[in-house]
Amino acid sequence: MFVFFTSQVEELSHLKVRQRQQIIATALSMLTPLSKVWLRVIKLLLLTPVFTSLIYIEGWLMLPALLLTGLSYPLLTTPVEIAFARPYLTDALKQHTTQLD
């Protein structure tokens, strides 16, 4: 299942937003170096067309376009990050709960 928000991840649904973000960050830090490279390449491939489309916008229309692009950045990258972090979520969740104790 493809997930767009951390609240849609069943393992993390009982947590607050900030805690979910911390656990995702911890899970992403557990990625292997090769997985980190693949994650960055995929994010680059997703973001390149968005930012290159800004070349064709001129004048004051650039301001709303940049704002829209900046707001869409997490919508494009978060699902990919969650997909890469999913195998490490249980370990990150255990690590998070031990830190709280």
N, C-alpha and C. Protein backbone atom coordinates (compact mmCIF):
# COMPACT_ATOMS: atom_id res chain seq x y z
N MET A 1 0.83 -1.18 0.00
CA MET A 1 0.00 0.00 0.00
C MET A 1 0.88 1.25 0.00
N PHE A 2 0.55 2.19 -0.84
CA PHE A 2 1.30 3.43 -0.93
C PHE A 2 0.71 4.45 0.04
N VAL A 3 1.55 5.02 0.88
CA VAL A 3 1.10 5.90 1.95
C VAL A 3 1.58 7.32 1.68
N PHE A 4 0.69 8.29 1.82
CA PHE A 4 1.05 9.68 1.58
C PHE A 4 1.37 10.45 2.86
N PHE A 5 0.82 10.02 3.99
CA PHE A 5 1.03 10.72 5.25
C PHE A 5 1.42 9.72 6.32
N THR A 6 2.17 10.18 7.32
CA THR A 6 2.59 9.29 8.40
C THR A 6 1.41 8.81 9.22
N SER A 7 0.32 9.54 9.23
CA SER A 7 -0.87 9.10 9.98
C SER A 7 -1.51 7.87 9.36
N GLN A 8 -1.20 7.56 8.11
CA GLN A 8 -1.76 6.40 7.44
C GLN A 8 -0.96 5.13 7.71
N VAL A 9 0.20 5.25 8.35
CA VAL A 9 1.01 4.08 8.69
C VAL A 9 0.41 3.46 9.95
N GLU A 10 -0.02 2.22 9.85
CA GLU A 10 -0.73 1.57 10.94
C GLU A 10 0.10 1.48 12.21
N GLU A 11 1.39 1.20 12.07
CA GLU A 11 2.25 1.04 13.24
C GLU A 11 2.41 2.34 14.02
N LEU A 12 2.22 3.47 13.34
CA LEU A 12 2.45 4.77 13.96
C LEU A 12 1.17 5.56 14.21
N SER A 13 0.03 4.99 13.92
CA SER A 13 -1.22 5.75 13.99
C SER A 13 -1.57 6.21 15.40
N HIS A 14 -1.06 5.54 16.42
CA HIS A 14 -1.39 5.90 17.80
C HIS A 14 -0.51 7.02 18.35
N LEU A 15 0.46 7.46 17.59
CA LEU A 15 1.41 8.47 18.05
C LEU A 15 1.04 9.87 17.55
N LYS A 16 1.64 10.86 18.19
CA LYS A 16 1.45 12.24 17.75
C LYS A 16 2.31 12.50 16.52
N VAL A 17 2.04 13.60 15.84
CA VAL A 17 2.71 13.92 14.58
C VAL A 17 4.22 14.01 14.78
N ARG A 18 4.65 14.72 15.78
CA ARG A 18 6.08 14.92 16.02
C ARG A 18 6.78 13.59 16.32
N GLN A 19 6.12 12.72 17.06
CA GLN A 19 6.69 11.41 17.37
C GLN A 19 6.79 10.56 16.11
N ARG A 20 5.77 10.62 15.26
CA ARG A 20 5.82 9.87 14.00
C ARG A 20 6.98 10.35 13.13
N GLN A 21 7.17 11.66 13.08
CA GLN A 21 8.27 12.21 12.28
C GLN A 21 9.63 11.77 12.83
N GLN A 22 9.76 11.72 14.15
CA GLN A 22 11.01 11.29 14.75
C GLN A 22 11.28 9.82 14.45
N ILE A 23 10.26 9.01 14.49
CA ILE A 23 10.44 7.58 14.22
C ILE A 23 10.79 7.36 12.75
N ILE A 24 10.16 8.08 11.86
CA ILE A 24 10.50 7.98 10.43
C ILE A 24 11.96 8.42 10.22
N ALA A 25 12.37 9.49 10.88
CA ALA A 25 13.76 9.95 10.75
C ALA A 25 14.73 8.91 11.29
N THR A 26 14.37 8.28 12.39
CA THR A 26 15.22 7.23 12.95
C THR A 26 15.30 6.04 12.01
N ALA A 27 14.17 5.66 11.43
CA ALA A 27 14.15 4.55 10.48
C ALA A 27 14.97 4.87 9.24
N LEU A 28 14.91 6.11 8.78
CA LEU A 28 15.70 6.50 7.61
C LEU A 28 17.19 6.51 7.94
N SER A 29 17.54 6.79 9.17
CA SER A 29 18.96 6.75 9.54
C SER A 29 19.49 5.32 9.59
N MET A 30 18.59 4.35 9.68
CA MET A 30 18.99 2.94 9.71
C MET A 30 19.19 2.34 8.32
N LEU A 31 18.87 3.10 7.28
CA LEU A 31 19.02 2.59 5.92
C LEU A 31 20.47 2.25 5.62
N THR A 32 20.65 1.28 4.75
CA THR A 32 21.99 0.95 4.29
C THR A 32 22.47 2.07 3.37
N PRO A 33 23.77 2.22 3.20
CA PRO A 33 24.26 3.28 2.30
C PRO A 33 23.69 3.18 0.89
N LEU A 34 23.56 1.98 0.37
CA LEU A 34 23.00 1.82 -0.97
C LEU A 34 21.55 2.27 -1.02
N SER A 35 20.79 1.96 0.02
CA SER A 35 19.39 2.39 0.08
C SER A 35 19.28 3.90 0.18
N LYS A 36 20.20 4.51 0.92
CA LYS A 36 20.19 5.97 1.02
C LYS A 36 20.46 6.62 -0.34
N VAL A 37 21.37 6.02 -1.10
CA VAL A 37 21.66 6.54 -2.44
C VAL A 37 20.43 6.40 -3.32
N TRP A 38 19.77 5.24 -3.28
CA TRP A 38 18.57 5.03 -4.09
C TRP A 38 17.46 5.99 -3.69
N LEU A 39 17.31 6.22 -2.40
CA LEU A 39 16.30 7.17 -1.94
C LEU A 39 16.56 8.56 -2.51
N ARG A 40 17.79 9.00 -2.45
CA ARG A 40 18.12 10.32 -2.97
C ARG A 40 17.96 10.41 -4.48
N VAL A 41 18.30 9.35 -5.18
CA VAL A 41 18.15 9.34 -6.65
C VAL A 41 16.67 9.41 -7.02
N ILE A 42 15.84 8.64 -6.34
CA ILE A 42 14.42 8.64 -6.64
C ILE A 42 13.81 10.00 -6.33
N LYS A 43 14.19 10.60 -5.21
CA LYS A 43 13.69 11.93 -4.89
C LYS A 43 14.13 12.95 -5.93
N LEU A 44 15.35 12.83 -6.39
CA LEU A 44 15.86 13.73 -7.42
C LEU A 44 15.08 13.56 -8.72
N LEU A 45 14.79 12.32 -9.08
CA LEU A 45 14.01 12.07 -10.29
C LEU A 45 12.59 12.61 -10.18
N LEU A 46 12.02 12.59 -8.98
CA LEU A 46 10.68 13.14 -8.78
C LEU A 46 10.67 14.66 -8.82
N LEU A 47 11.70 15.28 -8.27
CA LEU A 47 11.70 16.73 -8.12
C LEU A 47 12.23 17.47 -9.35
N THR A 48 13.05 16.83 -10.15
CA THR A 48 13.64 17.50 -11.30
C THR A 48 12.60 18.05 -12.28
N PRO A 49 11.59 17.29 -12.68
CA PRO A 49 10.60 17.87 -13.60
C PRO A 49 9.82 19.04 -12.99
N VAL A 50 9.57 18.97 -11.69
CA VAL A 50 8.83 20.05 -11.04
C VAL A 50 9.63 21.34 -11.09
N PHE A 51 10.89 21.27 -10.73
CA PHE A 51 11.70 22.48 -10.70
C PHE A 51 12.11 22.95 -12.10
N THR A 52 12.28 22.03 -13.03
CA THR A 52 12.61 22.47 -14.39
C THR A 52 11.41 23.13 -15.07
N SER A 53 10.22 22.80 -14.65
CA SER A 53 9.04 23.45 -15.22
C SER A 53 8.99 24.93 -14.82
N LEU A 54 9.69 25.31 -13.78
CA LEU A 54 9.72 26.72 -13.36
C LEU A 54 10.49 27.61 -14.33
N ILE A 55 11.27 27.00 -15.20
CA ILE A 55 12.05 27.77 -16.18
C ILE A 55 11.13 28.56 -17.11
N TYR A 56 9.97 28.01 -17.41
CA TYR A 56 9.07 28.61 -18.39
C TYR A 56 8.16 29.69 -17.80
N ILE A 57 8.24 29.90 -16.51
CA ILE A 57 7.39 30.90 -15.86
C ILE A 57 8.18 32.19 -15.71
N GLU A 58 7.56 33.30 -16.08
CA GLU A 58 8.24 34.58 -16.05
C GLU A 58 7.47 35.59 -15.21
N GLY A 59 8.18 36.60 -14.76
CA GLY A 59 7.57 37.72 -14.06
C GLY A 59 7.02 37.36 -12.69
N TRP A 60 5.94 38.04 -12.34
CA TRP A 60 5.34 37.86 -11.03
C TRP A 60 4.65 36.52 -10.86
N LEU A 61 4.40 35.83 -11.95
CA LEU A 61 3.82 34.49 -11.84
C LEU A 61 4.79 33.50 -11.20
N MET A 62 6.06 33.88 -11.18
CA MET A 62 7.05 33.01 -10.58
C MET A 62 6.82 32.87 -9.07
N LEU A 63 6.35 33.93 -8.41
CA LEU A 63 6.16 33.90 -6.97
C LEU A 63 5.13 32.86 -6.53
N PRO A 64 3.92 32.83 -7.09
CA PRO A 64 2.99 31.78 -6.69
C PRO A 64 3.45 30.38 -7.12
N ALA A 65 4.15 30.33 -8.24
CA ALA A 65 4.66 29.03 -8.70
C ALA A 65 5.70 28.49 -7.74
N LEU A 66 6.58 29.35 -7.25
CA LEU A 66 7.58 28.92 -6.27
C LEU A 66 6.92 28.51 -4.96
N LEU A 67 5.89 29.24 -4.56
CA LEU A 67 5.17 28.91 -3.34
C LEU A 67 4.49 27.55 -3.48
N LEU A 68 3.85 27.34 -4.60
CA LEU A 68 3.19 26.06 -4.85
C LEU A 68 4.19 24.91 -4.92
N THR A 69 5.32 25.16 -5.54
CA THR A 69 6.37 24.14 -5.63
C THR A 69 6.92 23.82 -4.25
N GLY A 70 7.14 24.84 -3.45
CA GLY A 70 7.65 24.61 -2.10
C GLY A 70 6.68 23.83 -1.24
N LEU A 71 5.39 24.10 -1.42
CA LEU A 71 4.38 23.37 -0.65
C LEU A 71 4.19 21.94 -1.15
N SER A 72 4.44 21.71 -2.42
CA SER A 72 4.27 20.36 -2.97
C SER A 72 5.48 19.46 -2.71
N TYR A 73 6.59 20.04 -2.31
CA TYR A 73 7.81 19.26 -2.06
C TYR A 73 7.56 18.11 -1.08
N PRO A 74 6.98 18.35 0.11
CA PRO A 74 6.74 17.22 1.02
C PRO A 74 5.72 16.22 0.48
N LEU A 75 4.78 16.69 -0.31
CA LEU A 75 3.80 15.77 -0.88
C LEU A 75 4.43 14.79 -1.85
N LEU A 76 5.51 15.20 -2.49
CA LEU A 76 6.20 14.32 -3.43
C LEU A 76 7.21 13.42 -2.74
N THR A 77 7.88 13.93 -1.71
CA THR A 77 8.98 13.17 -1.12
C THR A 77 8.57 12.29 0.06
N THR A 78 7.55 12.68 0.81
CA THR A 78 7.17 11.92 2.00
C THR A 78 6.76 10.48 1.68
N PRO A 79 5.95 10.22 0.66
CA PRO A 79 5.60 8.82 0.38
C PRO A 79 6.82 7.94 0.06
N VAL A 80 7.78 8.51 -0.62
CA VAL A 80 8.98 7.74 -0.96
C VAL A 80 9.79 7.45 0.31
N GLU A 81 9.92 8.45 1.17
CA GLU A 81 10.65 8.25 2.42
C GLU A 81 9.97 7.21 3.30
N ILE A 82 8.65 7.25 3.37
CA ILE A 82 7.92 6.26 4.17
C ILE A 82 8.11 4.87 3.60
N ALA A 83 8.09 4.74 2.29
CA ALA A 83 8.27 3.43 1.66
C ALA A 83 9.66 2.87 1.96
N PHE A 84 10.66 3.72 1.96
CA PHE A 84 12.01 3.25 2.27
C PHE A 84 12.19 2.96 3.77
N ALA A 85 11.48 3.70 4.62
CA ALA A 85 11.61 3.54 6.07
C ALA A 85 10.80 2.37 6.61
N ARG A 86 9.81 1.92 5.88
CA ARG A 86 8.88 0.90 6.38
C ARG A 86 9.57 -0.36 6.92
N PRO A 87 10.59 -0.92 6.28
CA PRO A 87 11.22 -2.12 6.84
C PRO A 87 11.90 -1.89 8.19
N TYR A 88 12.23 -0.66 8.50
CA TYR A 88 12.95 -0.36 9.73
C TYR A 88 12.05 0.27 10.80
N LEU A 89 10.76 0.35 10.54
CA LEU A 89 9.85 1.02 11.47
C LEU A 89 9.76 0.32 12.82
N THR A 90 9.73 -1.00 12.82
CA THR A 90 9.61 -1.70 14.11
C THR A 90 10.83 -1.46 14.98
N ASP A 91 12.02 -1.49 14.38
CA ASP A 91 13.24 -1.22 15.15
C ASP A 91 13.27 0.23 15.64
N ALA A 92 12.86 1.16 14.79
CA ALA A 92 12.84 2.56 15.18
C ALA A 92 11.81 2.81 16.27
N LEU A 93 10.68 2.13 16.20
CA LEU A 93 9.64 2.27 17.23
C LEU A 93 10.13 1.72 18.56
N LYS A 94 10.82 0.57 18.53
CA LYS A 94 11.39 0.02 19.76
C LYS A 94 12.42 0.97 20.35
N GLN A 95 13.26 1.54 19.51
CA GLN A 95 14.27 2.48 19.97
C GLN A 95 13.62 3.72 20.58
N HIS A 96 12.54 4.16 19.98
CA HIS A 96 11.84 5.35 20.48
C HIS A 96 11.20 5.06 21.84
N THR A 97 10.61 3.90 22.00
CA THR A 97 9.98 3.58 23.29
C THR A 97 11.00 3.37 24.38
N THR A 98 12.19 2.86 24.06
CA THR A 98 13.22 2.70 25.09
C THR A 98 13.79 4.05 25.50
N GLN A 99 13.81 5.01 24.58
CA GLN A 99 14.27 6.35 24.94
C GLN A 99 13.30 7.06 25.87
N LEU A 100 12.02 6.74 25.72
CA LEU A 100 11.01 7.37 26.57
C LEU A 100 11.02 6.83 27.99
N ASP A 101 11.45 5.58 28.13
CA ASP A 101 11.47 4.95 29.46
C ASP A 101 12.63 5.38 30.31
